[in-house]
């Protein structure tokens, strides 16, 4: 079985040997809606039990892959979201903020436990961070450091560089073609030598 993901559906395709063509031919068995990925009765009737198990395995794998991508994206964006939440709590002290704070505290305790169980305890993470800060850095400087270095290196009073301006291309003179066409050009003989005057 093959599965082709289209915009809104997953196409289920079976390859069938065609003796006239002497090769395999793709045959569309059915479609599965991406929004609600379930095997319909029509698709179930047109498949063998082995094909049904293959379809269900594919749907499970797809569901797990999408879930893992979403979980990773959540972990990747969490620091930025936490900073935004900190800004929110600096400016809000109403009942909504109190409810959010309670929910965040519960989730934070759960996250700390998961980090500790994964081997990323607070002491280890801080120790690694201080070791990296103390070690001689051979890394590429950050953008902020590069900008600061450029600002310091540029002398005061130097005007900014002018933007590159493209010059217009000169047009070829059409008159030279007309003169060449009207003038008789002496022809060379078979040996390639110019004609005698």
N, C-alpha and C. Protein backbone atom coordinates (compact mmCIF):
# COMPACT_ATOMS: atom_id res chain seq x y z
N UNK A 1 0.84 -1.18 0.00
CA UNK A 1 0.00 0.00 0.00
C UNK A 1 0.89 1.25 0.00
N UNK A 2 0.40 2.25 -0.67
CA UNK A 2 1.05 3.55 -0.67
C UNK A 2 0.06 4.58 -0.13
N UNK A 3 0.63 5.62 0.49
CA UNK A 3 -0.20 6.67 1.07
C UNK A 3 0.32 8.00 0.56
N UNK A 4 -0.54 8.74 -0.10
CA UNK A 4 -0.16 10.06 -0.61
C UNK A 4 -0.96 11.11 0.16
N UNK A 5 -0.24 12.02 0.79
CA UNK A 5 -0.92 13.08 1.53
C UNK A 5 -1.16 14.25 0.60
N UNK A 6 -2.41 14.57 0.46
CA UNK A 6 -2.81 15.72 -0.33
C UNK A 6 -3.26 16.81 0.63
N UNK A 7 -3.84 17.86 0.09
CA UNK A 7 -4.17 19.01 0.91
C UNK A 7 -5.09 18.65 2.08
N UNK A 8 -6.19 17.94 1.80
CA UNK A 8 -7.16 17.64 2.86
C UNK A 8 -7.37 16.16 3.09
N UNK A 9 -6.80 15.32 2.22
CA UNK A 9 -7.04 13.89 2.34
C UNK A 9 -5.74 13.10 2.24
N UNK A 10 -5.81 11.86 2.67
CA UNK A 10 -4.73 10.90 2.48
C UNK A 10 -5.25 9.88 1.49
N UNK A 11 -4.60 9.75 0.34
CA UNK A 11 -5.03 8.78 -0.66
C UNK A 11 -4.40 7.44 -0.34
N UNK A 12 -5.22 6.39 -0.37
CA UNK A 12 -4.76 5.03 -0.16
C UNK A 12 -4.67 4.38 -1.53
N UNK A 13 -3.48 3.92 -1.91
CA UNK A 13 -3.22 3.43 -3.26
C UNK A 13 -2.68 2.01 -3.19
N UNK A 14 -3.22 1.17 -4.03
CA UNK A 14 -2.79 -0.22 -4.13
C UNK A 14 -2.10 -0.40 -5.49
N UNK A 15 -1.01 -1.17 -5.52
CA UNK A 15 -0.34 -1.47 -6.77
C UNK A 15 -0.78 -2.85 -7.22
N UNK A 16 -1.32 -2.92 -8.45
CA UNK A 16 -1.84 -4.16 -9.02
C UNK A 16 -1.07 -4.47 -10.29
N UNK A 17 -0.69 -5.75 -10.46
CA UNK A 17 0.04 -6.14 -11.66
C UNK A 17 -0.92 -6.18 -12.84
N UNK A 18 -0.53 -5.52 -13.94
CA UNK A 18 -1.33 -5.50 -15.16
C UNK A 18 -0.61 -6.33 -16.21
N UNK A 19 -1.16 -7.51 -16.61
CA UNK A 19 -0.46 -8.35 -17.58
C UNK A 19 -0.35 -7.72 -18.96
N UNK A 20 -1.28 -6.84 -19.32
CA UNK A 20 -1.19 -6.17 -20.63
C UNK A 20 0.01 -5.23 -20.67
N UNK A 21 0.20 -4.49 -19.59
CA UNK A 21 1.34 -3.55 -19.53
C UNK A 21 2.62 -4.25 -19.09
N UNK A 22 2.49 -5.43 -18.50
CA UNK A 22 3.61 -6.20 -17.96
C UNK A 22 4.37 -5.44 -16.88
N UNK A 23 3.60 -4.71 -16.08
CA UNK A 23 4.17 -4.00 -14.94
C UNK A 23 3.05 -3.64 -13.97
N UNK A 24 3.43 -3.08 -12.82
CA UNK A 24 2.44 -2.70 -11.84
C UNK A 24 1.70 -1.43 -12.23
N UNK A 25 0.46 -1.34 -11.78
CA UNK A 25 -0.37 -0.17 -12.06
C UNK A 25 -0.98 0.29 -10.74
N UNK A 26 -0.95 1.60 -10.50
CA UNK A 26 -1.50 2.15 -9.25
C UNK A 26 -3.01 2.26 -9.36
N UNK A 27 -3.67 1.88 -8.28
CA UNK A 27 -5.13 1.90 -8.24
C UNK A 27 -5.56 2.58 -6.95
N UNK A 28 -6.37 3.63 -7.07
CA UNK A 28 -6.84 4.35 -5.89
C UNK A 28 -7.91 3.52 -5.19
N UNK A 29 -7.64 3.16 -3.94
CA UNK A 29 -8.56 2.33 -3.17
C UNK A 29 -9.57 3.21 -2.45
N UNK A 30 -9.10 4.30 -1.89
CA UNK A 30 -9.99 5.19 -1.15
C UNK A 30 -9.26 6.39 -0.60
N UNK A 31 -10.00 7.22 0.13
CA UNK A 31 -9.44 8.44 0.71
C UNK A 31 -9.78 8.48 2.19
N UNK A 32 -8.87 9.09 2.96
CA UNK A 32 -9.09 9.29 4.39
C UNK A 32 -8.99 10.78 4.66
N UNK A 33 -9.96 11.32 5.36
CA UNK A 33 -9.97 12.75 5.68
C UNK A 33 -8.87 13.04 6.71
N UNK A 34 -8.04 14.04 6.43
CA UNK A 34 -6.95 14.38 7.37
C UNK A 34 -7.47 14.95 8.68
N UNK A 35 -8.59 15.68 8.62
CA UNK A 35 -9.12 16.29 9.83
C UNK A 35 -9.66 15.24 10.80
N UNK A 36 -10.24 14.16 10.27
CA UNK A 36 -10.76 13.07 11.11
C UNK A 36 -10.27 11.75 10.49
N UNK A 37 -9.03 11.37 10.78
CA UNK A 37 -8.46 10.19 10.11
C UNK A 37 -9.00 8.87 10.66
N UNK A 38 -10.11 8.41 10.07
CA UNK A 38 -10.70 7.12 10.43
C UNK A 38 -10.95 6.34 9.14
N UNK A 39 -10.95 5.02 9.26
CA UNK A 39 -11.21 4.16 8.11
C UNK A 39 -12.73 4.08 7.92
N UNK A 40 -13.20 4.51 6.77
CA UNK A 40 -14.63 4.49 6.49
C UNK A 40 -15.08 3.07 6.13
N UNK A 41 -16.39 2.85 6.15
CA UNK A 41 -16.94 1.54 5.80
C UNK A 41 -16.61 1.17 4.35
N UNK A 42 -16.71 2.16 3.47
CA UNK A 42 -16.42 1.93 2.06
C UNK A 42 -14.97 1.47 1.87
N UNK A 43 -14.05 2.13 2.54
CA UNK A 43 -12.64 1.76 2.45
C UNK A 43 -12.40 0.39 3.09
N UNK A 44 -13.08 0.13 4.17
CA UNK A 44 -12.93 -1.14 4.86
C UNK A 44 -13.39 -2.31 3.99
N UNK A 45 -14.48 -2.12 3.24
CA UNK A 45 -15.00 -3.18 2.38
C UNK A 45 -14.10 -3.44 1.18
N UNK A 46 -13.37 -2.42 0.73
CA UNK A 46 -12.54 -2.59 -0.47
C UNK A 46 -11.12 -3.04 -0.16
N UNK A 47 -10.81 -3.32 1.12
CA UNK A 47 -9.46 -3.73 1.50
C UNK A 47 -9.46 -5.12 2.12
N UNK A 48 -8.33 -5.78 2.00
CA UNK A 48 -8.13 -7.06 2.67
C UNK A 48 -7.75 -6.79 4.13
N UNK A 49 -7.83 -7.80 4.99
CA UNK A 49 -7.43 -7.59 6.39
C UNK A 49 -5.98 -7.13 6.55
N UNK A 50 -5.07 -7.64 5.69
CA UNK A 50 -3.66 -7.20 5.75
C UNK A 50 -3.53 -5.73 5.38
N UNK A 51 -4.29 -5.31 4.35
CA UNK A 51 -4.25 -3.92 3.93
C UNK A 51 -4.85 -3.01 5.01
N UNK A 52 -5.90 -3.48 5.66
CA UNK A 52 -6.50 -2.69 6.75
C UNK A 52 -5.51 -2.49 7.89
N UNK A 53 -4.79 -3.56 8.25
CA UNK A 53 -3.82 -3.41 9.33
C UNK A 53 -2.69 -2.46 8.91
N UNK A 54 -2.32 -2.49 7.62
CA UNK A 54 -1.29 -1.57 7.13
C UNK A 54 -1.78 -0.12 7.18
N UNK A 55 -3.04 0.09 6.84
CA UNK A 55 -3.63 1.44 6.90
C UNK A 55 -3.66 1.94 8.34
N UNK A 56 -4.11 1.09 9.26
CA UNK A 56 -4.18 1.49 10.67
C UNK A 56 -2.79 1.77 11.24
N UNK A 57 -1.80 0.97 10.85
CA UNK A 57 -0.43 1.22 11.29
C UNK A 57 0.07 2.57 10.78
N UNK A 58 -0.22 2.86 9.50
CA UNK A 58 0.19 4.15 8.92
C UNK A 58 -0.47 5.31 9.66
N UNK A 59 -1.77 5.18 9.96
CA UNK A 59 -2.47 6.26 10.68
C UNK A 59 -1.91 6.46 12.08
N UNK A 60 -1.58 5.36 12.77
CA UNK A 60 -0.98 5.47 14.11
C UNK A 60 0.39 6.14 14.05
N UNK A 61 1.21 5.73 13.07
CA UNK A 61 2.54 6.34 12.92
C UNK A 61 2.42 7.83 12.61
N UNK A 62 1.47 8.18 11.75
CA UNK A 62 1.28 9.59 11.39
C UNK A 62 0.83 10.40 12.61
N UNK A 63 -0.09 9.83 13.39
CA UNK A 63 -0.57 10.50 14.59
C UNK A 63 0.58 10.72 15.58
N UNK A 64 1.41 9.71 15.80
CA UNK A 64 2.55 9.82 16.72
C UNK A 64 3.56 10.84 16.22
N UNK A 65 3.82 10.85 14.90
CA UNK A 65 4.78 11.80 14.34
C UNK A 65 4.31 13.23 14.53
N UNK A 66 3.02 13.48 14.24
CA UNK A 66 2.48 14.83 14.39
C UNK A 66 2.47 15.26 15.85
N UNK A 67 2.16 14.34 16.74
CA UNK A 67 2.15 14.66 18.18
C UNK A 67 3.56 15.00 18.65
N UNK A 68 4.56 14.20 18.23
CA UNK A 68 5.94 14.46 18.63
C UNK A 68 6.43 15.81 18.11
N UNK A 69 6.04 16.16 16.88
CA UNK A 69 6.43 17.46 16.33
C UNK A 69 5.79 18.60 17.13
N UNK A 70 4.54 18.42 17.53
CA UNK A 70 3.86 19.46 18.31
C UNK A 70 4.48 19.60 19.70
N UNK A 71 4.84 18.46 20.32
CA UNK A 71 5.46 18.50 21.65
C UNK A 71 6.82 19.19 21.56
N UNK A 72 7.59 18.85 20.54
CA UNK A 72 8.91 19.48 20.38
C UNK A 72 8.77 20.99 20.13
N UNK A 73 7.81 21.37 19.31
CA UNK A 73 7.59 22.80 19.05
C UNK A 73 7.18 23.51 20.34
N UNK A 74 6.39 22.85 21.18
CA UNK A 74 6.00 23.45 22.46
C UNK A 74 7.20 23.66 23.37
N UNK A 75 8.09 22.65 23.44
CA UNK A 75 9.28 22.78 24.27
C UNK A 75 10.23 23.84 23.71
N UNK A 76 10.29 23.95 22.40
CA UNK A 76 11.19 24.90 21.76
C UNK A 76 10.74 26.34 21.97
N UNK A 77 9.43 26.57 21.99
CA UNK A 77 8.92 27.94 22.13
C UNK A 77 8.61 28.31 23.59
N UNK A 78 8.75 27.35 24.51
CA UNK A 78 8.40 27.61 25.91
C UNK A 78 9.21 28.75 26.54
N UNK A 79 10.53 28.84 26.35
CA UNK A 79 11.25 29.97 26.97
C UNK A 79 10.70 31.34 26.55
N UNK A 80 10.39 31.50 25.28
CA UNK A 80 9.84 32.79 24.82
C UNK A 80 8.46 33.03 25.43
N UNK A 81 7.66 31.99 25.54
CA UNK A 81 6.33 32.13 26.14
C UNK A 81 6.45 32.47 27.62
N UNK A 82 7.44 31.88 28.30
CA UNK A 82 7.63 32.18 29.73
C UNK A 82 8.03 33.64 29.92
N UNK A 83 8.85 34.17 29.03
CA UNK A 83 9.25 35.58 29.14
C UNK A 83 8.05 36.50 28.90
N UNK A 84 7.20 36.12 27.94
CA UNK A 84 5.99 36.91 27.69
C UNK A 84 5.04 36.84 28.89
N UNK A 85 4.95 35.66 29.51
CA UNK A 85 4.10 35.51 30.70
C UNK A 85 4.64 36.37 31.84
N UNK A 86 5.97 36.41 31.97
CA UNK A 86 6.56 37.25 33.02
C UNK A 86 6.18 38.71 32.80
N UNK A 87 6.21 39.14 31.56
CA UNK A 87 5.81 40.52 31.25
C UNK A 87 4.34 40.75 31.58
N UNK A 88 3.51 39.76 31.32
CA UNK A 88 2.08 39.86 31.63
C UNK A 88 1.87 40.03 33.14
N UNK A 89 2.56 39.22 33.94
CA UNK A 89 2.35 39.28 35.39
C UNK A 89 2.95 40.54 36.01
N UNK A 90 3.89 41.18 35.32
CA UNK A 90 4.43 42.45 35.82
C UNK A 90 3.39 43.56 35.69
N UNK A 91 2.48 43.42 34.74
CA UNK A 91 1.53 44.50 34.48
C UNK A 91 0.09 44.18 34.89
N UNK A 92 -0.21 42.92 35.25
CA UNK A 92 -1.58 42.54 35.60
C UNK A 92 -1.63 41.90 36.98
N UNK A 93 -2.66 42.28 37.75
CA UNK A 93 -2.84 41.70 39.08
C UNK A 93 -4.32 41.39 39.35
N UNK A 94 -5.06 41.12 38.30
CA UNK A 94 -6.49 40.88 38.45
C UNK A 94 -6.81 39.40 38.70
N UNK A 95 -8.10 39.05 38.69
CA UNK A 95 -8.52 37.68 38.95
C UNK A 95 -8.06 36.72 37.85
N UNK A 96 -8.04 37.20 36.62
CA UNK A 96 -7.54 36.35 35.53
C UNK A 96 -6.08 35.99 35.75
N UNK A 97 -5.28 36.97 36.14
CA UNK A 97 -3.85 36.72 36.40
C UNK A 97 -3.69 35.72 37.54
N UNK A 98 -4.54 35.82 38.56
CA UNK A 98 -4.47 34.89 39.69
C UNK A 98 -4.76 33.46 39.22
N UNK A 99 -5.77 33.30 38.37
CA UNK A 99 -6.12 31.97 37.84
C UNK A 99 -4.99 31.43 36.96
N UNK A 100 -4.43 32.30 36.11
CA UNK A 100 -3.30 31.88 35.27
C UNK A 100 -2.11 31.47 36.13
N UNK A 101 -1.85 32.23 37.18
CA UNK A 101 -0.71 31.95 38.05
C UNK A 101 -0.85 30.59 38.72
N UNK A 102 -2.04 30.26 39.17
CA UNK A 102 -2.25 28.96 39.81
C UNK A 102 -2.01 27.82 38.81
N UNK A 103 -2.52 27.97 37.60
CA UNK A 103 -2.34 26.96 36.56
C UNK A 103 -0.87 26.83 36.17
N UNK A 104 -0.18 27.96 36.08
CA UNK A 104 1.24 27.94 35.71
C UNK A 104 2.08 27.29 36.80
N UNK A 105 1.77 27.59 38.06
CA UNK A 105 2.52 26.97 39.18
C UNK A 105 2.41 25.45 39.14
N UNK A 106 1.20 24.93 38.90
CA UNK A 106 1.01 23.48 38.82
C UNK A 106 1.80 22.89 37.64
N UNK A 107 1.72 23.56 36.49
CA UNK A 107 2.45 23.07 35.32
C UNK A 107 3.96 23.18 35.54
N UNK A 108 4.40 24.23 36.24
CA UNK A 108 5.82 24.43 36.50
C UNK A 108 6.38 23.32 37.38
N UNK A 109 5.63 22.91 38.40
CA UNK A 109 6.07 21.81 39.26
C UNK A 109 6.19 20.51 38.46
N UNK A 110 5.24 20.29 37.57
CA UNK A 110 5.28 19.10 36.72
C UNK A 110 6.49 19.15 35.77
N UNK A 111 6.77 20.33 35.22
CA UNK A 111 7.91 20.49 34.32
C UNK A 111 9.23 20.30 35.07
N UNK A 112 9.34 20.84 36.28
CA UNK A 112 10.57 20.67 37.07
C UNK A 112 10.82 19.19 37.37
N UNK A 113 9.76 18.47 37.70
CA UNK A 113 9.90 17.03 37.97
C UNK A 113 10.37 16.30 36.71
N UNK A 114 9.79 16.62 35.57
CA UNK A 114 10.19 15.97 34.32
C UNK A 114 11.63 16.30 33.96
N UNK A 115 12.06 17.54 34.16
CA UNK A 115 13.45 17.93 33.89
C UNK A 115 14.41 17.17 34.80
N UNK A 116 14.06 17.06 36.06
CA UNK A 116 14.91 16.35 37.03
C UNK A 116 15.02 14.87 36.65
N UNK A 117 13.89 14.25 36.29
CA UNK A 117 13.89 12.83 35.93
C UNK A 117 14.66 12.58 34.64
N UNK A 118 14.71 13.55 33.75
CA UNK A 118 15.44 13.41 32.49
C UNK A 118 16.93 13.68 32.66
N UNK A 119 17.35 14.07 33.86
CA UNK A 119 18.76 14.32 34.11
C UNK A 119 19.17 15.77 33.93
N UNK A 120 18.21 16.67 33.86
CA UNK A 120 18.50 18.09 33.70
C UNK A 120 18.15 18.83 34.98
N UNK A 121 18.72 18.39 36.10
CA UNK A 121 18.42 19.05 37.36
C UNK A 121 19.00 20.46 37.36
N UNK A 122 18.50 21.28 38.25
CA UNK A 122 18.89 22.70 38.30
C UNK A 122 20.40 22.84 38.51
N UNK A 123 20.96 22.06 39.42
CA UNK A 123 22.40 22.19 39.71
C UNK A 123 23.24 21.80 38.52
N UNK A 124 22.87 20.74 37.80
CA UNK A 124 23.64 20.31 36.62
C UNK A 124 23.57 21.34 35.50
N UNK A 125 22.38 21.86 35.27
CA UNK A 125 22.21 22.83 34.20
C UNK A 125 22.98 24.10 34.50
N UNK A 126 22.91 24.58 35.75
CA UNK A 126 23.64 25.79 36.12
C UNK A 126 25.15 25.56 36.08
N UNK A 127 25.60 24.36 36.49
CA UNK A 127 27.02 24.04 36.45
C UNK A 127 27.53 24.04 35.01
N UNK A 128 26.78 23.43 34.10
CA UNK A 128 27.17 23.43 32.69
C UNK A 128 27.18 24.84 32.11
N UNK A 129 26.23 25.65 32.50
CA UNK A 129 26.17 27.02 32.00
C UNK A 129 27.37 27.84 32.48
N UNK A 130 27.76 27.68 33.75
CA UNK A 130 28.91 28.43 34.26
C UNK A 130 30.21 27.92 33.65
N UNK A 131 30.31 26.61 33.39
CA UNK A 131 31.51 26.08 32.74
C UNK A 131 31.65 26.63 31.34
N UNK A 132 30.55 26.75 30.63
CA UNK A 132 30.60 27.30 29.28
C UNK A 132 30.97 28.78 29.31
N UNK A 133 30.48 29.48 30.33
CA UNK A 133 30.79 30.92 30.42
C UNK A 133 32.25 31.14 30.77
N UNK A 134 32.84 30.26 31.61
CA UNK A 134 34.22 30.42 32.03
C UNK A 134 35.21 29.91 30.99
N UNK A 135 34.83 28.96 30.18
CA UNK A 135 35.72 28.38 29.18
C UNK A 135 36.06 29.43 28.13
N UNK A 136 37.30 29.37 27.57
CA UNK A 136 37.64 30.32 26.50
C UNK A 136 36.74 30.06 25.30
N UNK A 137 36.14 31.12 24.85
CA UNK A 137 35.18 30.96 23.77
C UNK A 137 35.88 31.07 22.43
N UNK A 138 35.70 30.04 21.63
CA UNK A 138 36.17 30.04 20.26
C UNK A 138 34.98 30.13 19.32
N UNK A 139 33.83 30.37 19.92
CA UNK A 139 32.60 30.38 19.15
C UNK A 139 32.47 31.69 18.39
N UNK A 140 31.55 31.71 17.47
CA UNK A 140 31.26 32.90 16.68
C UNK A 140 30.57 33.91 17.59
N UNK A 141 30.96 35.18 17.54
CA UNK A 141 30.32 36.17 18.40
C UNK A 141 28.85 36.33 18.04
N UNK A 142 28.07 36.72 19.04
CA UNK A 142 26.64 36.91 18.82
C UNK A 142 26.42 38.15 17.97
N UNK A 143 25.20 38.30 17.49
CA UNK A 143 24.86 39.45 16.64
C UNK A 143 25.04 40.75 17.42
N UNK A 144 24.65 40.74 18.69
CA UNK A 144 24.79 41.96 19.50
C UNK A 144 26.27 42.33 19.66
N UNK A 145 27.14 41.32 19.86
CA UNK A 145 28.57 41.59 19.98
C UNK A 145 29.14 42.11 18.67
N UNK A 146 28.70 41.57 17.54
CA UNK A 146 29.19 42.03 16.24
C UNK A 146 28.78 43.48 16.00
N UNK A 147 27.54 43.81 16.33
CA UNK A 147 27.06 45.18 16.13
C UNK A 147 27.83 46.13 17.03
N UNK A 148 28.06 45.73 18.29
CA UNK A 148 28.81 46.58 19.21
C UNK A 148 30.23 46.79 18.70
N UNK A 149 30.86 45.77 18.17
CA UNK A 149 32.22 45.89 17.64
C UNK A 149 32.25 46.81 16.43
N UNK A 150 31.23 46.73 15.57
CA UNK A 150 31.19 47.59 14.40
C UNK A 150 30.99 49.05 14.80
N UNK A 151 30.16 49.29 15.81
CA UNK A 151 29.91 50.66 16.26
C UNK A 151 31.19 51.26 16.83
N UNK A 152 31.95 50.48 17.61
CA UNK A 152 33.18 50.98 18.20
C UNK A 152 34.24 51.17 17.12
N UNK A 153 34.33 50.26 16.16
CA UNK A 153 35.38 50.31 15.16
C UNK A 153 35.17 51.44 14.16
N UNK A 154 33.96 51.87 13.94
CA UNK A 154 33.69 52.90 12.95
C UNK A 154 34.02 54.27 13.54
N UNK A 155 34.92 55.03 12.92
CA UNK A 155 35.27 56.34 13.46
C UNK A 155 34.12 57.33 13.32
N UNK A 156 34.10 58.27 14.24
CA UNK A 156 33.05 59.28 14.24
C UNK A 156 33.31 60.26 13.11
N UNK A 157 32.28 60.73 12.46
CA UNK A 157 32.41 61.72 11.41
C UNK A 157 32.55 61.13 10.03
N UNK A 158 32.61 59.82 9.90
CA UNK A 158 32.71 59.22 8.58
C UNK A 158 31.30 59.11 8.02
N UNK A 159 31.08 59.68 6.84
CA UNK A 159 29.73 59.60 6.29
C UNK A 159 29.41 58.16 5.90
N UNK A 160 28.15 57.77 5.96
CA UNK A 160 27.79 56.42 5.58
C UNK A 160 28.07 56.18 4.10
N UNK A 161 28.37 54.96 3.78
CA UNK A 161 28.67 54.61 2.39
C UNK A 161 27.43 54.81 1.53
N UNK A 162 27.66 55.32 0.31
CA UNK A 162 26.54 55.55 -0.58
C UNK A 162 26.08 54.23 -1.16
N UNK A 163 24.82 54.17 -1.42
CA UNK A 163 24.26 52.96 -2.00
C UNK A 163 24.76 52.80 -3.43
N UNK A 164 24.96 51.57 -3.84
CA UNK A 164 25.42 51.29 -5.19
C UNK A 164 24.34 51.65 -6.18
N UNK A 165 24.70 52.47 -7.18
CA UNK A 165 23.75 52.87 -8.21
C UNK A 165 24.19 52.25 -9.52
N UNK A 166 23.29 51.55 -10.15
CA UNK A 166 23.61 50.89 -11.41
C UNK A 166 23.57 51.91 -12.54
N UNK A 167 24.62 51.93 -13.34
CA UNK A 167 24.67 52.85 -14.46
C UNK A 167 23.89 52.26 -15.62
N UNK A 168 23.22 53.14 -16.38
CA UNK A 168 22.48 52.61 -17.53
C UNK A 168 23.45 52.13 -18.61
N UNK A 169 23.07 51.06 -19.29
CA UNK A 169 23.92 50.51 -20.34
C UNK A 169 23.85 51.39 -21.58
N UNK A 170 24.99 51.56 -22.21
CA UNK A 170 25.04 52.37 -23.43
C UNK A 170 24.44 51.55 -24.58
N UNK A 171 23.67 52.21 -25.41
CA UNK A 171 23.07 51.52 -26.54
C UNK A 171 24.03 51.51 -27.71
N UNK A 172 23.97 50.43 -28.46
CA UNK A 172 24.84 50.33 -29.64
C UNK A 172 24.29 51.22 -30.74
N UNK A 173 25.19 51.82 -31.46
CA UNK A 173 24.78 52.72 -32.54
C UNK A 173 24.27 51.89 -33.72
N UNK A 174 23.11 52.24 -34.22
CA UNK A 174 22.53 51.52 -35.34
C UNK A 174 23.12 51.99 -36.66
N UNK A 175 23.69 53.17 -36.68
CA UNK A 175 24.24 53.73 -37.91
C UNK A 175 25.43 52.92 -38.40
N UNK A 176 26.21 52.35 -37.53
CA UNK A 176 27.39 51.60 -37.96
C UNK A 176 27.00 50.37 -38.76
N UNK A 177 25.85 49.76 -38.46
CA UNK A 177 25.40 48.61 -39.22
C UNK A 177 24.98 49.02 -40.63
N UNK A 178 24.33 50.17 -40.74
CA UNK A 178 23.87 50.63 -42.05
C UNK A 178 25.04 50.98 -42.93
N UNK A 179 26.10 51.60 -42.39
CA UNK A 179 27.28 51.96 -43.17
C UNK A 179 27.97 50.70 -43.67
N UNK A 180 28.10 49.72 -42.84
CA UNK A 180 28.77 48.48 -43.20
C UNK A 180 27.99 47.74 -44.27
N UNK A 181 26.69 47.81 -44.25
CA UNK A 181 25.88 47.10 -45.23
C UNK A 181 25.99 47.74 -46.60
N UNK A 182 26.11 49.09 -46.67
CA UNK A 182 26.18 49.79 -47.94
C UNK A 182 27.58 49.76 -48.55
N UNK A 183 28.60 49.64 -47.77
CA UNK A 183 29.97 49.67 -48.28
C UNK A 183 30.31 48.31 -48.86
N UNK A 184 31.10 48.33 -49.97
CA UNK A 184 31.55 47.08 -50.56
C UNK A 184 32.80 46.66 -49.86
N UNK A 185 32.78 45.43 -49.41
CA UNK A 185 33.95 44.89 -48.74
C UNK A 185 34.63 43.95 -49.71
N UNK A 186 35.94 44.15 -49.98
CA UNK A 186 36.63 43.28 -50.93
C UNK A 186 36.70 41.85 -50.39
N UNK A 187 36.50 40.90 -51.28
CA UNK A 187 36.49 39.51 -50.89
C UNK A 187 37.88 38.92 -51.04
N UNK A 188 38.17 37.96 -50.18
CA UNK A 188 39.48 37.28 -50.26
C UNK A 188 39.37 36.15 -51.27
N UNK A 189 40.52 35.77 -51.91
CA UNK A 189 40.49 34.65 -52.85
C UNK A 189 40.50 33.32 -52.09
N UNK A 190 40.59 32.21 -52.81
CA UNK A 190 40.48 30.90 -52.20
C UNK A 190 41.57 30.64 -51.18
N UNK A 191 42.74 31.26 -51.32
CA UNK A 191 43.84 31.03 -50.41
C UNK A 191 43.71 31.81 -49.13
N UNK A 192 42.79 32.76 -49.11
CA UNK A 192 42.58 33.55 -47.90
C UNK A 192 43.35 34.85 -47.94
N UNK A 193 44.12 35.12 -49.01
CA UNK A 193 44.88 36.36 -49.12
C UNK A 193 43.98 37.46 -49.64
N UNK A 194 44.19 38.72 -49.19
CA UNK A 194 43.35 39.82 -49.64
C UNK A 194 43.60 40.08 -51.13
N UNK A 195 42.62 40.60 -51.84
CA UNK A 195 42.78 40.87 -53.29
C UNK A 195 43.81 41.97 -53.53
N UNK A 196 44.42 41.87 -54.66
CA UNK A 196 45.46 42.87 -55.03
C UNK A 196 44.80 44.15 -55.45
N UNK A 197 45.43 45.29 -55.17
CA UNK A 197 44.84 46.59 -55.47
C UNK A 197 45.17 47.06 -56.84
